[in-house]
Amino acid sequence: KKIYFGNKEVLNLYYNLSPEKWGRGYATEMIAKALETAGSCLPSYPVV
């Protein structure tokens, strides 16, 4: 989601899964989809 980080508008990447789902690649999969969406909609925005 868009946030201001310092004095710059950026896309904040957030991920938090339940501990029982850790270590199975789900966070990586979710992040890949989020970055794909960000890249297609707002490619010039930095992601943090």
All heavy atoms as atom14 arrays in JSON, in Angstrom:
{
  "sequence": "KKIYFGNKEVLNLYYNLSPEKWGRGYATEMIAKALETAGSCLPSYPVV",
  "atom14_mask": [
    [1, 1, 1, 1, 1, 1, 1, 1, 1, 0, 0, 0, 0, 0],
    [1, 1, 1, 1, 1, 1, 1, 1, 1, 0, 0, 0, 0, 0],
    [1, 1, 1, 1, 1, 1, 1, 1, 0, 0, 0, 0, 0, 0],
    [1, 1, 1, 1, 1, 1, 1, 1, 1, 1, 1, 1, 0, 0],
    [1, 1, 1, 1, 1, 1, 1, 1, 1, 1, 1, 0, 0, 0],
    [1, 1, 1, 1, 0, 0, 0, 0, 0, 0, 0, 0, 0, 0],
    [1, 1, 1, 1, 1, 1, 1, 1, 0, 0, 0, 0, 0, 0],
    [1, 1, 1, 1, 1, 1, 1, 1, 1, 0, 0, 0, 0, 0],
    [1, 1, 1, 1, 1, 1, 1, 1, 1, 0, 0, 0, 0, 0],
    [1, 1, 1, 1, 1, 1, 1, 0, 0, 0, 0, 0, 0, 0],
    [1, 1, 1, 1, 1, 1, 1, 1, 0, 0, 0, 0, 0, 0],
    [1, 1, 1, 1, 1, 1, 1, 1, 0, 0, 0, 0, 0, 0],
    [1, 1, 1, 1, 1, 1, 1, 1, 0, 0, 0, 0, 0, 0],
    [1, 1, 1, 1, 1, 1, 1, 1, 1, 1, 1, 1, 0, 0],
    [1, 1, 1, 1, 1, 1, 1, 1, 1, 1, 1, 1, 0, 0],
    [1, 1, 1, 1, 1, 1, 1, 1, 0, 0, 0, 0, 0, 0],
    [1, 1, 1, 1, 1, 1, 1, 1, 0, 0, 0, 0, 0, 0],
    [1, 1, 1, 1, 1, 1, 0, 0, 0, 0, 0, 0, 0, 0],
    [1, 1, 1, 1, 1, 1, 1, 0, 0, 0, 0, 0, 0, 0],
    [1, 1, 1, 1, 1, 1, 1, 1, 1, 0, 0, 0, 0, 0],
    [1, 1, 1, 1, 1, 1, 1, 1, 1, 0, 0, 0, 0, 0],
    [1, 1, 1, 1, 1, 1, 1, 1, 1, 1, 1, 1, 1, 1],
    [1, 1, 1, 1, 0, 0, 0, 0, 0, 0, 0, 0, 0, 0],
    [1, 1, 1, 1, 1, 1, 1, 1, 1, 1, 1, 0, 0, 0],
    [1, 1, 1, 1, 0, 0, 0, 0, 0, 0, 0, 0, 0, 0],
    [1, 1, 1, 1, 1, 1, 1, 1, 1, 1, 1, 1, 0, 0],
    [1, 1, 1, 1, 1, 0, 0, 0, 0, 0, 0, 0, 0, 0],
    [1, 1, 1, 1, 1, 1, 1, 0, 0, 0, 0, 0, 0, 0],
    [1, 1, 1, 1, 1, 1, 1, 1, 1, 0, 0, 0, 0, 0],
    [1, 1, 1, 1, 1, 1, 1, 1, 0, 0, 0, 0, 0, 0],
    [1, 1, 1, 1, 1, 1, 1, 1, 0, 0, 0, 0, 0, 0],
    [1, 1, 1, 1, 1, 0, 0, 0, 0, 0, 0, 0, 0, 0],
    [1, 1, 1, 1, 1, 1, 1, 1, 1, 0, 0, 0, 0, 0],
    [1, 1, 1, 1, 1, 0, 0, 0, 0, 0, 0, 0, 0, 0],
    [1, 1, 1, 1, 1, 1, 1, 1, 0, 0, 0, 0, 0, 0],
    [1, 1, 1, 1, 1, 1, 1, 1, 1, 0, 0, 0, 0, 0],
    [1, 1, 1, 1, 1, 1, 1, 0, 0, 0, 0, 0, 0, 0],
    [1, 1, 1, 1, 1, 0, 0, 0, 0, 0, 0, 0, 0, 0],
    [1, 1, 1, 1, 0, 0, 0, 0, 0, 0, 0, 0, 0, 0],
    [1, 1, 1, 1, 1, 1, 0, 0, 0, 0, 0, 0, 0, 0],
    [1, 1, 1, 1, 1, 1, 0, 0, 0, 0, 0, 0, 0, 0],
    [1, 1, 1, 1, 1, 1, 1, 1, 0, 0, 0, 0, 0, 0],
    [1, 1, 1, 1, 1, 1, 1, 0, 0, 0, 0, 0, 0, 0],
    [1, 1, 1, 1, 1, 1, 0, 0, 0, 0, 0, 0, 0, 0],
    [1, 1, 1, 1, 1, 1, 1, 1, 1, 1, 1, 1, 0, 0],
    [1, 1, 1, 1, 1, 1, 1, 0, 0, 0, 0, 0, 0, 0],
    [1, 1, 1, 1, 1, 1, 1, 0, 0, 0, 0, 0, 0, 0],
    [1, 1, 1, 1, 1, 1, 1, 0, 0, 0, 0, 0, 0, 0]
  ],
  "atom14_positions": [
    [[0.85, -1.18, 0.0], [0.0, 0.0, 0.0], [0.88, 1.23, 0.0], [2.02, 1.21, 0.47], [-0.99, 0.0, 1.16], [-0.46, 0.46, 2.47], [-1.59, 0.58, 3.47], [-1.12, 1.27, 4.73], [-2.17, 1.43, 5.71], [0.0, 0.0, 0.0], [0.0, 0.0, 0.0], [0.0, 0.0, 0.0], [0.0, 0.0, 0.0], [0.0, 0.0, 0.0]],
    [[0.33, 2.32, -0.56], [1.07, 3.58, -0.61], [1.2, 4.16, 0.79], [0.24, 4.2, 1.56], [0.32, 4.6, -1.47], [0.4, 4.38, -2.93], [-0.29, 5.56, -3.62], [-0.56, 5.33, -5.06], [-1.25, 6.47, -5.67], [0.0, 0.0, 0.0], [0.0, 0.0, 0.0], [0.0, 0.0, 0.0], [0.0, 0.0, 0.0], [0.0, 0.0, 0.0]],
    [[2.42, 4.61, 1.09], [2.68, 5.35, 2.33], [3.71, 6.43, 2.01], [4.34, 6.39, 0.95], [3.2, 4.45, 3.47], [4.58, 3.86, 3.11], [2.21, 3.36, 3.84], [5.32, 3.27, 4.3], [0.0, 0.0, 0.0], [0.0, 0.0, 0.0], [0.0, 0.0, 0.0], [0.0, 0.0, 0.0], [0.0, 0.0, 0.0], [0.0, 0.0, 0.0]],
    [[3.86, 7.37, 2.91], [4.98, 8.3, 2.83], [6.06, 7.79, 3.75], [5.81, 7.52, 4.93], [4.57, 9.72, 3.21], [3.9, 10.42, 2.06], [2.52, 10.4, 1.92], [4.66, 11.07, 1.09], [1.91, 11.02, 0.84], [4.06, 11.69, 0.0], [2.69, 11.66, -0.1], [2.1, 12.26, -1.17], [0.0, 0.0, 0.0], [0.0, 0.0, 0.0]],
    [[7.24, 7.59, 3.2], [8.39, 7.12, 3.96], [9.43, 8.21, 3.85], [9.97, 8.45, 2.78], [8.89, 5.8, 3.36], [9.95, 5.12, 4.18], [9.65, 4.61, 5.42], [11.23, 5.0, 3.68], [10.62, 3.97, 6.16], [12.21, 4.37, 4.43], [11.91, 3.85, 5.67], [0.0, 0.0, 0.0], [0.0, 0.0, 0.0], [0.0, 0.0, 0.0]],
    [[9.65, 8.9, 4.96], [10.45, 10.11, 4.88], [9.65, 11.14, 4.11], [8.52, 11.43, 4.43], [0.0, 0.0, 0.0], [0.0, 0.0, 0.0], [0.0, 0.0, 0.0], [0.0, 0.0, 0.0], [0.0, 0.0, 0.0], [0.0, 0.0, 0.0], [0.0, 0.0, 0.0], [0.0, 0.0, 0.0], [0.0, 0.0, 0.0], [0.0, 0.0, 0.0]],
    [[10.2, 11.64, 3.05], [9.48, 12.62, 2.23], [9.15, 12.06, 0.86], [8.93, 12.81, -0.08], [10.32, 13.89, 2.08], [11.65, 13.63, 1.39], [12.04, 12.48, 1.19], [12.37, 14.68, 1.05], [0.0, 0.0, 0.0], [0.0, 0.0, 0.0], [0.0, 0.0, 0.0], [0.0, 0.0, 0.0], [0.0, 0.0, 0.0], [0.0, 0.0, 0.0]],
    [[9.06, 10.73, 0.76], [8.86, 10.09, -0.54], [7.64, 9.15, -0.47], [7.47, 8.42, 0.49], [10.12, 9.29, -0.86], [10.25, 8.78, -2.25], [11.65, 8.16, -2.42], [11.97, 7.94, -3.85], [13.35, 7.48, -4.04], [0.0, 0.0, 0.0], [0.0, 0.0, 0.0], [0.0, 0.0, 0.0], [0.0, 0.0, 0.0], [0.0, 0.0, 0.0]],
    [[6.81, 9.2, -1.52], [5.7, 8.26, -1.59], [6.22, 6.93, -2.12], [6.86, 6.88, -3.17], [4.59, 8.8, -2.49], [3.3, 8.02, -2.36], [2.14, 8.68, -3.08], [2.35, 9.26, -4.16], [1.02, 8.6, -2.56], [0.0, 0.0, 0.0], [0.0, 0.0, 0.0], [0.0, 0.0, 0.0], [0.0, 0.0, 0.0], [0.0, 0.0, 0.0]],
    [[5.97, 5.88, -1.38], [6.49, 4.54, -1.71], [5.38, 3.52, -1.53], [4.32, 3.82, -1.01], [7.7, 4.16, -0.82], [8.82, 5.18, -0.94], [7.29, 3.99, 0.63], [0.0, 0.0, 0.0], [0.0, 0.0, 0.0], [0.0, 0.0, 0.0], [0.0, 0.0, 0.0], [0.0, 0.0, 0.0], [0.0, 0.0, 0.0], [0.0, 0.0, 0.0]],
    [[5.67, 2.3, -1.94], [4.78, 1.18, -1.66], [5.39, 0.37, -0.52], [6.51, -0.11, -0.61], [4.61, 0.3, -2.9], [3.96, 0.98, -4.09], [3.95, 0.06, -5.3], [2.55, 1.44, -3.75], [0.0, 0.0, 0.0], [0.0, 0.0, 0.0], [0.0, 0.0, 0.0], [0.0, 0.0, 0.0], [0.0, 0.0, 0.0], [0.0, 0.0, 0.0]],
    [[4.64, 0.28, 0.56], [5.1, -0.49, 1.71], [4.7, -1.95, 1.51], [3.52, -2.26, 1.33], [4.47, 0.05, 3.0], [5.03, -0.65, 4.22], [6.21, -0.55, 4.49], [4.17, -1.34, 4.94], [0.0, 0.0, 0.0], [0.0, 0.0, 0.0], [0.0, 0.0, 0.0], [0.0, 0.0, 0.0], [0.0, 0.0, 0.0], [0.0, 0.0, 0.0]],
    [[5.67, -2.83, 1.52], [5.42, -4.26, 1.41], [5.3, -4.83, 2.81], [6.18, -4.64, 3.64], [6.58, -4.94, 0.67], [6.54, -6.46, 0.57], [5.34, -6.92, -0.24], [7.83, -6.98, -0.05], [0.0, 0.0, 0.0], [0.0, 0.0, 0.0], [0.0, 0.0, 0.0], [0.0, 0.0, 0.0], [0.0, 0.0, 0.0], [0.0, 0.0, 0.0]],
    [[4.18, -5.49, 3.06], [3.92, -6.04, 4.39], [3.56, -7.51, 4.25], [2.85, -7.89, 3.32], [2.75, -5.28, 5.05], [2.49, -5.74, 6.45], [3.26, -5.26, 7.5], [1.48, -6.64, 6.73], [3.03, -5.68, 8.8], [1.24, -7.07, 8.02], [2.02, -6.59, 9.06], [1.79, -7.01, 10.33], [0.0, 0.0, 0.0], [0.0, 0.0, 0.0]],
    [[4.07, -8.31, 5.17], [3.73, -9.73, 5.19], [3.81, -10.25, 6.61], [4.74, -9.96, 7.34], [4.62, -10.54, 4.25], [6.1, -10.25, 4.35], [6.95, -11.08, 5.07], [6.66, -9.16, 3.7], [8.31, -10.81, 5.16], [8.01, -8.9, 3.77], [8.83, -9.73, 4.51], [10.18, -9.47, 4.58], [0.0, 0.0, 0.0], [0.0, 0.0, 0.0]],
    [[2.77, -10.96, 7.0], [2.7, -11.53, 8.34], [1.79, -12.75, 8.28], [0.58, -12.61, 8.06], [2.17, -10.49, 9.33], [2.22, -10.96, 10.75], [2.35, -12.15, 11.03], [2.11, -10.02, 11.68], [0.0, 0.0, 0.0], [0.0, 0.0, 0.0], [0.0, 0.0, 0.0], [0.0, 0.0, 0.0], [0.0, 0.0, 0.0], [0.0, 0.0, 0.0]],
    [[2.37, -13.92, 8.46], [1.6, -15.16, 8.43], [1.55, -15.81, 9.81], [2.45, -15.6, 10.63], [2.2, -16.16, 7.44], [2.15, -15.76, 5.97], [2.85, -16.82, 5.12], [0.73, -15.58, 5.5], [0.0, 0.0, 0.0], [0.0, 0.0, 0.0], [0.0, 0.0, 0.0], [0.0, 0.0, 0.0], [0.0, 0.0, 0.0], [0.0, 0.0, 0.0]],
    [[0.54, -16.61, 10.04], [0.44, -17.38, 11.28], [1.64, -18.31, 11.41], [2.07, -18.91, 10.41], [-0.84, -18.22, 11.29], [-1.96, -17.4, 11.14], [0.0, 0.0, 0.0], [0.0, 0.0, 0.0], [0.0, 0.0, 0.0], [0.0, 0.0, 0.0], [0.0, 0.0, 0.0], [0.0, 0.0, 0.0], [0.0, 0.0, 0.0], [0.0, 0.0, 0.0]],
    [[2.19, -18.44, 12.6], [3.39, -19.27, 12.79], [3.26, -20.69, 12.25], [4.24, -21.25, 11.75], [3.59, -19.27, 14.3], [2.99, -17.98, 14.75], [1.81, -17.76, 13.84], [0.0, 0.0, 0.0], [0.0, 0.0, 0.0], [0.0, 0.0, 0.0], [0.0, 0.0, 0.0], [0.0, 0.0, 0.0], [0.0, 0.0, 0.0], [0.0, 0.0, 0.0]],
    [[2.07, -21.27, 12.29], [1.93, -22.65, 11.79], [2.1, -22.75, 10.28], [2.24, -23.84, 9.73], [0.61, -23.28, 12.23], [-0.64, -22.63, 11.7], [-1.22, -21.55, 12.6], [-0.54, -21.1, 13.55], [-2.36, -21.15, 12.35], [0.0, 0.0, 0.0], [0.0, 0.0, 0.0], [0.0, 0.0, 0.0], [0.0, 0.0, 0.0], [0.0, 0.0, 0.0]],
    [[2.12, -21.61, 9.59], [2.3, -21.6, 8.13], [3.72, -21.2, 7.72], [4.03, -21.15, 6.54], [1.29, -20.65, 7.47], [-0.16, -21.01, 7.71], [-0.52, -22.35, 7.09], [-2.0, -22.64, 7.26], [-2.4, -23.92, 6.71], [0.0, 0.0, 0.0], [0.0, 0.0, 0.0], [0.0, 0.0, 0.0], [0.0, 0.0, 0.0], [0.0, 0.0, 0.0]],
    [[4.56, -20.9, 8.69], [5.93, -20.48, 8.4], [6.73, -21.63, 7.79], [6.48, -22.8, 8.03], [6.64, -20.03, 9.66], [6.12, -18.75, 10.26], [5.15, -17.92, 9.75], [6.51, -18.18, 11.5], [4.94, -16.86, 10.59], [5.75, -16.98, 11.67], [7.42, -18.54, 12.48], [5.9, -16.17, 12.79], [7.57, -17.73, 13.59], [6.81, -16.55, 13.73]],
    [[7.72, -21.26, 7.0], [8.68, -22.23, 6.47], [8.19, -23.05, 5.3], [8.82, -24.04, 4.93], [0.0, 0.0, 0.0], [0.0, 0.0, 0.0], [0.0, 0.0, 0.0], [0.0, 0.0, 0.0], [0.0, 0.0, 0.0], [0.0, 0.0, 0.0], [0.0, 0.0, 0.0], [0.0, 0.0, 0.0], [0.0, 0.0, 0.0], [0.0, 0.0, 0.0]],
    [[7.08, -22.66, 4.69], [6.52, -23.43, 3.58], [6.5, -22.65, 2.26], [5.92, -23.11, 1.28], [5.09, -23.86, 3.91], [5.02, -24.72, 5.16], [3.6, -25.12, 5.43], [3.49, -25.72, 6.75], [2.37, -26.08, 7.29], [1.23, -25.91, 6.63], [2.34, -26.62, 8.48], [0.0, 0.0, 0.0], [0.0, 0.0, 0.0], [0.0, 0.0, 0.0]],
    [[7.08, -21.45, 2.26], [7.14, -20.66, 1.05], [5.93, -19.79, 0.79], [5.85, -19.12, -0.25], [0.0, 0.0, 0.0], [0.0, 0.0, 0.0], [0.0, 0.0, 0.0], [0.0, 0.0, 0.0], [0.0, 0.0, 0.0], [0.0, 0.0, 0.0], [0.0, 0.0, 0.0], [0.0, 0.0, 0.0], [0.0, 0.0, 0.0], [0.0, 0.0, 0.0]],
    [[4.97, -19.77, 1.71], [3.75, -19.0, 1.49], [4.01, -17.5, 1.47], [3.42, -16.77, 0.67], [2.7, -19.32, 2.54], [2.21, -20.74, 2.52], [2.09, -21.48, 3.69], [1.85, -21.36, 1.32], [1.62, -22.79, 3.68], [1.39, -22.67, 1.3], [1.28, -23.37, 2.48], [0.82, -24.67, 2.46], [0.0, 0.0, 0.0], [0.0, 0.0, 0.0]],
    [[4.88, -17.01, 2.35], [5.19, -15.58, 2.38], [5.84, -15.17, 1.07], [5.5, -14.14, 0.48], [6.09, -15.24, 3.56], [0.0, 0.0, 0.0], [0.0, 0.0, 0.0], [0.0, 0.0, 0.0], [0.0, 0.0, 0.0], [0.0, 0.0, 0.0], [0.0, 0.0, 0.0], [0.0, 0.0, 0.0], [0.0, 0.0, 0.0], [0.0, 0.0, 0.0]],
    [[6.76, -15.99, 0.58], [7.42, -15.69, -0.69], [6.42, -15.66, -1.83], [6.48, -14.78, -2.69], [8.52, -16.74, -0.97], [9.45, -16.73, 0.13], [9.24, -16.46, -2.26], [0.0, 0.0, 0.0], [0.0, 0.0, 0.0], [0.0, 0.0, 0.0], [0.0, 0.0, 0.0], [0.0, 0.0, 0.0], [0.0, 0.0, 0.0], [0.0, 0.0, 0.0]],
    [[5.48, -16.57, -1.82], [4.44, -16.61, -2.86], [3.55, -15.37, -2.8], [3.23, -14.76, -3.82], [3.6, -17.88, -2.67], [2.53, -18.08, -3.71], [1.74, -19.37, -3.49], [2.18, -20.25, -2.73], [0.66, -19.48, -4.09], [0.0, 0.0, 0.0], [0.0, 0.0, 0.0], [0.0, 0.0, 0.0], [0.0, 0.0, 0.0], [0.0, 0.0, 0.0]],
    [[3.15, -14.99, -1.6], [2.3, -13.82, -1.44], [3.04, -12.55, -1.86], [2.49, -11.71, -2.56], [1.84, -13.71, 0.02], [0.76, -12.68, 0.28], [1.31, -10.97, 0.44], [2.58, -11.1, 1.66], [0.0, 0.0, 0.0], [0.0, 0.0, 0.0], [0.0, 0.0, 0.0], [0.0, 0.0, 0.0], [0.0, 0.0, 0.0], [0.0, 0.0, 0.0]],
    [[4.31, -12.44, -1.49], [5.11, -11.28, -1.86], [5.28, -11.19, -3.37], [5.2, -10.11, -3.95], [6.48, -11.32, -1.16], [6.29, -11.03, 0.33], [7.45, -10.32, -1.78], [7.53, -11.26, 1.15], [0.0, 0.0, 0.0], [0.0, 0.0, 0.0], [0.0, 0.0, 0.0], [0.0, 0.0, 0.0], [0.0, 0.0, 0.0], [0.0, 0.0, 0.0]],
    [[5.5, -12.32, -4.02], [5.66, -12.32, -5.48], [4.41, -11.75, -6.14], [4.51, -10.95, -7.08], [5.94, -13.74, -5.98], [0.0, 0.0, 0.0], [0.0, 0.0, 0.0], [0.0, 0.0, 0.0], [0.0, 0.0, 0.0], [0.0, 0.0, 0.0], [0.0, 0.0, 0.0], [0.0, 0.0, 0.0], [0.0, 0.0, 0.0], [0.0, 0.0, 0.0]],
    [[3.23, -12.13, -5.66], [1.98, -11.61, -6.23], [1.84, -10.11, -5.94], [1.41, -9.34, -6.8], [0.78, -12.39, -5.68], [-0.5, -12.08, -6.38], [-0.41, -12.45, -7.84], [-1.73, -12.25, -8.55], [-1.64, -12.49, -9.99], [0.0, 0.0, 0.0], [0.0, 0.0, 0.0], [0.0, 0.0, 0.0], [0.0, 0.0, 0.0], [0.0, 0.0, 0.0]],
    [[2.2, -9.7, -4.73], [2.12, -8.28, -4.38], [3.06, -7.45, -5.25], [2.68, -6.38, -5.74], [2.45, -8.09, -2.9], [0.0, 0.0, 0.0], [0.0, 0.0, 0.0], [0.0, 0.0, 0.0], [0.0, 0.0, 0.0], [0.0, 0.0, 0.0], [0.0, 0.0, 0.0], [0.0, 0.0, 0.0], [0.0, 0.0, 0.0], [0.0, 0.0, 0.0]],
    [[4.27, -7.93, -5.46], [5.23, -7.2, -6.3], [4.81, -7.2, -7.77], [5.02, -6.21, -8.47], [6.63, -7.78, -6.14], [7.27, -7.58, -4.76], [8.61, -8.29, -4.69], [7.4, -6.1, -4.42], [0.0, 0.0, 0.0], [0.0, 0.0, 0.0], [0.0, 0.0, 0.0], [0.0, 0.0, 0.0], [0.0, 0.0, 0.0], [0.0, 0.0, 0.0]],
    [[4.19, -8.28, -8.21], [3.67, -8.33, -9.59], [2.58, -7.27, -9.77], [2.56, -6.54, -10.76], [3.11, -9.72, -9.88], [2.48, -9.88, -11.23], [1.82, -11.25, -11.39], [2.39, -12.25, -10.92], [0.73, -11.3, -11.98], [0.0, 0.0, 0.0], [0.0, 0.0, 0.0], [0.0, 0.0, 0.0], [0.0, 0.0, 0.0], [0.0, 0.0, 0.0]],
    [[1.69, -7.17, -8.81], [0.62, -6.18, -8.85], [1.2, -4.76, -8.83], [0.82, -3.91, -9.63], [-0.34, -6.37, -7.67], [-0.9, -7.69, -7.75], [-1.46, -5.35, -7.68], [0.0, 0.0, 0.0], [0.0, 0.0, 0.0], [0.0, 0.0, 0.0], [0.0, 0.0, 0.0], [0.0, 0.0, 0.0], [0.0, 0.0, 0.0], [0.0, 0.0, 0.0]],
    [[2.15, -4.52, -7.93], [2.78, -3.21, -7.83], [3.49, -2.85, -9.13], [3.37, -1.72, -9.62], [3.77, -3.2, -6.67], [0.0, 0.0, 0.0], [0.0, 0.0, 0.0], [0.0, 0.0, 0.0], [0.0, 0.0, 0.0], [0.0, 0.0, 0.0], [0.0, 0.0, 0.0], [0.0, 0.0, 0.0], [0.0, 0.0, 0.0], [0.0, 0.0, 0.0]],
    [[4.2, -3.8, -9.7], [4.95, -3.54, -10.92], [4.07, -3.25, -12.12], [4.43, -2.46, -12.99], [0.0, 0.0, 0.0], [0.0, 0.0, 0.0], [0.0, 0.0, 0.0], [0.0, 0.0, 0.0], [0.0, 0.0, 0.0], [0.0, 0.0, 0.0], [0.0, 0.0, 0.0], [0.0, 0.0, 0.0], [0.0, 0.0, 0.0], [0.0, 0.0, 0.0]],
    [[2.9, -3.86, -12.16], [2.01, -3.61, -13.3], [1.2, -2.33, -13.13], [0.84, -1.69, -14.12], [1.09, -4.81, -13.54], [0.18, -4.96, -12.47], [0.0, 0.0, 0.0], [0.0, 0.0, 0.0], [0.0, 0.0, 0.0], [0.0, 0.0, 0.0], [0.0, 0.0, 0.0], [0.0, 0.0, 0.0], [0.0, 0.0, 0.0], [0.0, 0.0, 0.0]],
    [[0.91, -1.94, -11.9], [0.08, -0.76, -11.67], [0.88, 0.52, -11.44], [0.5, 1.58, -11.93], [-0.84, -1.0, -10.48], [-2.03, -2.31, -10.74], [0.0, 0.0, 0.0], [0.0, 0.0, 0.0], [0.0, 0.0, 0.0], [0.0, 0.0, 0.0], [0.0, 0.0, 0.0], [0.0, 0.0, 0.0], [0.0, 0.0, 0.0], [0.0, 0.0, 0.0]],
    [[1.95, 0.41, -10.69], [2.76, 1.59, -10.35], [4.24, 1.25, -10.47], [4.97, 1.21, -9.47], [2.45, 2.06, -8.92], [1.05, 2.63, -8.7], [0.78, 2.85, -7.22], [0.87, 3.93, -9.46], [0.0, 0.0, 0.0], [0.0, 0.0, 0.0], [0.0, 0.0, 0.0], [0.0, 0.0, 0.0], [0.0, 0.0, 0.0], [0.0, 0.0, 0.0]],
    [[4.71, 0.99, -11.67], [6.08, 0.52, -11.85], [7.17, 1.5, -11.42], [8.28, 1.09, -11.12], [6.17, 0.23, -13.34], [5.11, 1.06, -13.97], [4.02, 1.15, -12.95], [0.0, 0.0, 0.0], [0.0, 0.0, 0.0], [0.0, 0.0, 0.0], [0.0, 0.0, 0.0], [0.0, 0.0, 0.0], [0.0, 0.0, 0.0], [0.0, 0.0, 0.0]],
    [[6.85, 2.78, -11.38], [7.88, 3.76, -11.01], [8.01, 3.95, -9.5], [8.94, 4.61, -9.05], [7.57, 5.11, -11.67], [6.36, 5.63, -11.17], [0.0, 0.0, 0.0], [0.0, 0.0, 0.0], [0.0, 0.0, 0.0], [0.0, 0.0, 0.0], [0.0, 0.0, 0.0], [0.0, 0.0, 0.0], [0.0, 0.0, 0.0], [0.0, 0.0, 0.0]],
    [[7.11, 3.36, -8.73], [7.16, 3.53, -7.28], [8.18, 2.59, -6.66], [8.19, 1.39, -6.96], [5.8, 3.23, -6.65], [4.86, 4.39, -6.61], [4.38, 4.96, -7.78], [4.44, 4.94, -5.41], [3.51, 6.03, -7.76], [3.56, 6.01, -5.36], [3.1, 6.55, -6.55], [2.24, 7.6, -6.51], [0.0, 0.0, 0.0], [0.0, 0.0, 0.0]],
    [[9.01, 3.1, -5.76], [9.88, 2.19, -5.03], [9.07, 1.39, -4.01], [8.01, 1.83, -3.56], [10.87, 3.13, -4.32], [10.27, 4.48, -4.37], [9.24, 4.49, -5.45], [0.0, 0.0, 0.0], [0.0, 0.0, 0.0], [0.0, 0.0, 0.0], [0.0, 0.0, 0.0], [0.0, 0.0, 0.0], [0.0, 0.0, 0.0], [0.0, 0.0, 0.0]],
    [[9.58, 0.22, -3.69], [8.94, -0.66, -2.71], [9.89, -0.76, -1.51], [11.1, -0.92, -1.69], [8.7, -2.07, -3.29], [8.13, -3.01, -2.24], [7.77, -1.98, -4.5], [0.0, 0.0, 0.0], [0.0, 0.0, 0.0], [0.0, 0.0, 0.0], [0.0, 0.0, 0.0], [0.0, 0.0, 0.0], [0.0, 0.0, 0.0], [0.0, 0.0, 0.0]],
    [[9.34, -0.65, -0.31], [10.14, -0.83, 0.9], [9.48, -1.85, 1.81], [8.26, -2.0, 1.82], [10.35, 0.49, 1.68], [11.13, 1.5, 0.86], [9.06, 1.08, 2.17], [0.0, 0.0, 0.0], [0.0, 0.0, 0.0], [0.0, 0.0, 0.0], [0.0, 0.0, 0.0], [0.0, 0.0, 0.0], [0.0, 0.0, 0.0], [0.0, 0.0, 0.0]]
  ]
}
